[in-house]
Protein backbone atom coordinates (compact mmCIF):
# COMPACT_ATOMS: atom_id res chain seq x y z
CA UNK A 1 119.08 54.67 -49.09
CA UNK A 2 118.49 58.28 -48.11
CA UNK A 3 118.20 59.37 -44.48
CA UNK A 4 116.84 62.61 -43.03
CA UNK A 5 118.04 62.20 -39.45
CA UNK A 6 116.36 64.21 -36.72
CA UNK A 7 116.23 64.13 -32.95
CA UNK A 8 112.68 62.77 -32.82
CA UNK A 9 112.06 61.30 -36.27
CA UNK A 10 114.13 59.96 -39.13
CA UNK A 11 112.87 60.00 -42.69
CA UNK A 12 113.94 57.12 -44.91
CA UNK A 13 113.87 56.80 -48.70
CA UNK A 14 115.16 54.29 -51.23
CA UNK A 15 116.14 54.49 -54.85
CA UNK A 16 115.15 52.15 -57.64
CA UNK A 17 117.69 49.57 -58.85
CA UNK A 18 119.02 51.92 -61.52
CA UNK A 19 119.71 54.60 -58.87
CA UNK A 20 117.60 57.09 -60.83
CA UNK A 21 114.42 57.65 -58.81
CA UNK A 22 114.07 58.15 -55.06
CA UNK A 23 110.91 57.16 -53.24
CA UNK A 24 109.97 57.96 -49.65
CA UNK A 25 109.71 54.80 -47.56
CA UNK A 26 108.83 55.63 -43.96
CA UNK A 27 109.24 57.85 -40.94
CA UNK A 28 111.04 56.09 -38.10
CA UNK A 29 110.27 57.41 -34.62
CA UNK A 30 113.59 57.51 -32.83
CA UNK A 31 114.21 55.37 -29.77
CA UNK A 32 117.78 56.34 -28.89
CA UNK A 33 120.95 56.37 -30.96
CA UNK A 34 121.90 52.72 -30.43
CA UNK A 35 118.44 51.35 -31.24
CA UNK A 36 118.13 53.71 -34.21
CA UNK A 37 121.50 52.58 -35.60
CA UNK A 38 120.47 48.95 -35.15
CA UNK A 39 117.16 49.60 -36.89
CA UNK A 40 118.77 51.32 -39.88
CA UNK A 41 121.42 48.59 -40.11
CA UNK A 42 118.72 45.93 -40.17
CA UNK A 43 116.68 47.81 -42.76
CA UNK A 44 119.72 48.48 -44.95
CA UNK A 45 120.70 44.81 -44.86
CA UNK A 46 117.15 43.67 -45.65
CA UNK A 47 116.94 46.08 -48.60
CA UNK A 48 120.48 45.19 -49.80
CA UNK A 49 121.64 48.81 -49.62
CA UNK A 50 125.02 49.60 -51.14
CA UNK A 51 125.33 53.20 -49.90
CA UNK A 52 123.48 55.46 -47.46
CA UNK A 53 123.17 59.18 -48.08
CA UNK A 54 122.54 61.29 -44.99
CA UNK A 55 121.09 64.76 -45.27
CA UNK A 56 123.58 67.25 -43.85
CA UNK A 57 121.77 70.03 -41.95
CA UNK A 58 123.88 73.12 -42.50
CA UNK A 59 123.04 76.68 -41.53
CA UNK A 60 121.84 78.99 -44.32
CA UNK A 61 125.39 80.36 -44.69
CA UNK A 62 126.82 76.84 -45.08
CA UNK A 63 128.33 76.66 -41.59
CA UNK A 64 127.79 73.69 -39.30
CA UNK A 65 125.20 73.66 -36.51
CA UNK A 66 124.77 71.45 -33.46
CA UNK A 67 122.43 69.27 -35.56
CA UNK A 68 125.18 68.92 -38.19
CA UNK A 69 127.51 67.45 -35.57
CA UNK A 70 124.79 65.11 -34.23
CA UNK A 71 124.00 63.92 -37.76
CA UNK A 72 127.65 63.31 -38.61
CA UNK A 73 128.14 61.36 -35.37
CA UNK A 74 125.03 59.28 -36.02
CA UNK A 75 126.10 58.59 -39.60
CA UNK A 76 129.56 57.49 -38.44
CA UNK A 77 128.00 55.16 -35.84
CA UNK A 78 125.83 53.67 -38.59
CA UNK A 79 128.81 53.26 -40.95
CA UNK A 80 130.87 51.50 -38.29
CA UNK A 81 128.02 49.17 -37.31
CA UNK A 82 126.85 48.37 -40.85
CA UNK A 83 130.09 48.51 -42.83
CA UNK A 84 128.03 50.24 -45.57
CA UNK A 85 129.60 53.30 -47.23
CA UNK A 86 127.97 56.62 -46.42
CA UNK A 87 127.89 60.03 -48.03
CA UNK A 88 126.30 63.37 -47.22
CA UNK A 89 124.01 65.66 -49.18
CA UNK A 90 123.31 69.28 -48.27
CA UNK A 91 119.75 69.33 -46.94
CA UNK A 92 119.32 73.04 -46.31
CA UNK A 93 116.23 73.31 -48.49
CA UNK A 94 114.95 69.72 -48.43
CA UNK A 95 112.17 70.44 -45.93
CA UNK A 96 110.99 73.41 -48.00
CA UNK A 97 111.04 71.24 -51.14
CA UNK A 98 109.13 68.52 -49.28
CA UNK A 99 106.54 71.04 -48.09
CA UNK A 100 106.17 72.31 -51.66
CA UNK A 101 105.61 68.76 -52.93
CA UNK A 102 103.05 68.12 -50.21
CA UNK A 103 101.28 71.42 -50.88
CA UNK A 104 99.96 69.91 -54.11
CA UNK A 105 98.19 67.11 -52.26
CA UNK A 106 94.76 67.11 -50.62
CA UNK A 107 96.19 65.90 -47.32
CA UNK A 108 95.44 67.80 -44.12
CA UNK A 109 98.33 69.56 -42.36
CA UNK A 110 98.34 66.80 -39.72
CA UNK A 111 98.63 64.13 -42.43
CA UNK A 112 101.37 66.09 -44.19
CA UNK A 113 103.29 66.50 -40.95
CA UNK A 114 103.31 62.71 -40.45
CA UNK A 115 105.06 62.09 -43.77
CA UNK A 116 107.16 65.25 -44.15
CA UNK A 117 110.38 63.56 -42.98
CA UNK A 118 110.13 60.70 -45.48
CA UNK A 119 109.43 63.16 -48.29
CA UNK A 120 112.46 65.20 -47.14
CA UNK A 121 114.55 61.99 -47.26
CA UNK A 122 113.25 61.41 -50.77
CA UNK A 123 114.30 64.94 -51.80
CA UNK A 124 117.76 64.49 -50.25
CA UNK A 125 118.29 61.17 -52.03
CA UNK A 126 116.93 62.44 -55.36
CA UNK A 127 119.22 65.48 -55.23
CA UNK A 128 122.17 63.17 -54.55
CA UNK A 129 121.20 60.80 -57.38
CA UNK A 130 120.83 63.72 -59.78
CA UNK A 131 124.25 65.03 -58.78
CA UNK A 132 126.04 61.70 -59.34
CA UNK A 133 124.27 61.18 -62.68
CA UNK A 134 125.60 64.56 -63.86
CA UNK A 135 129.08 63.46 -62.83
């Protein structure tokens, strides 16, 4: 499961059983850290997730931002509650990649904006899957 955690919305993606292809699943509208952790735990259990990859929002120079700290804290809360292993994937360019993917669709900007976070989660997860396949 791939997660693009944000303050207002969280994009979620899943991989196929062979862990080769990531697919955007949904955009969850956040309701507070505890409820969001509970929601992701429930979803991960339902989907029989073995690992969750969180996008790590670093600054352009690779340094950590306030959002990096919030994401790490959220991911740790999820890991403790779910007992599912987590990992992180640099997400510095995931939103740009997601926008590029969506630019090839006939969706309006408003429609694109509604699904951008799940496409970003898909990009994050696919980048992670590609990296582990390469070894």
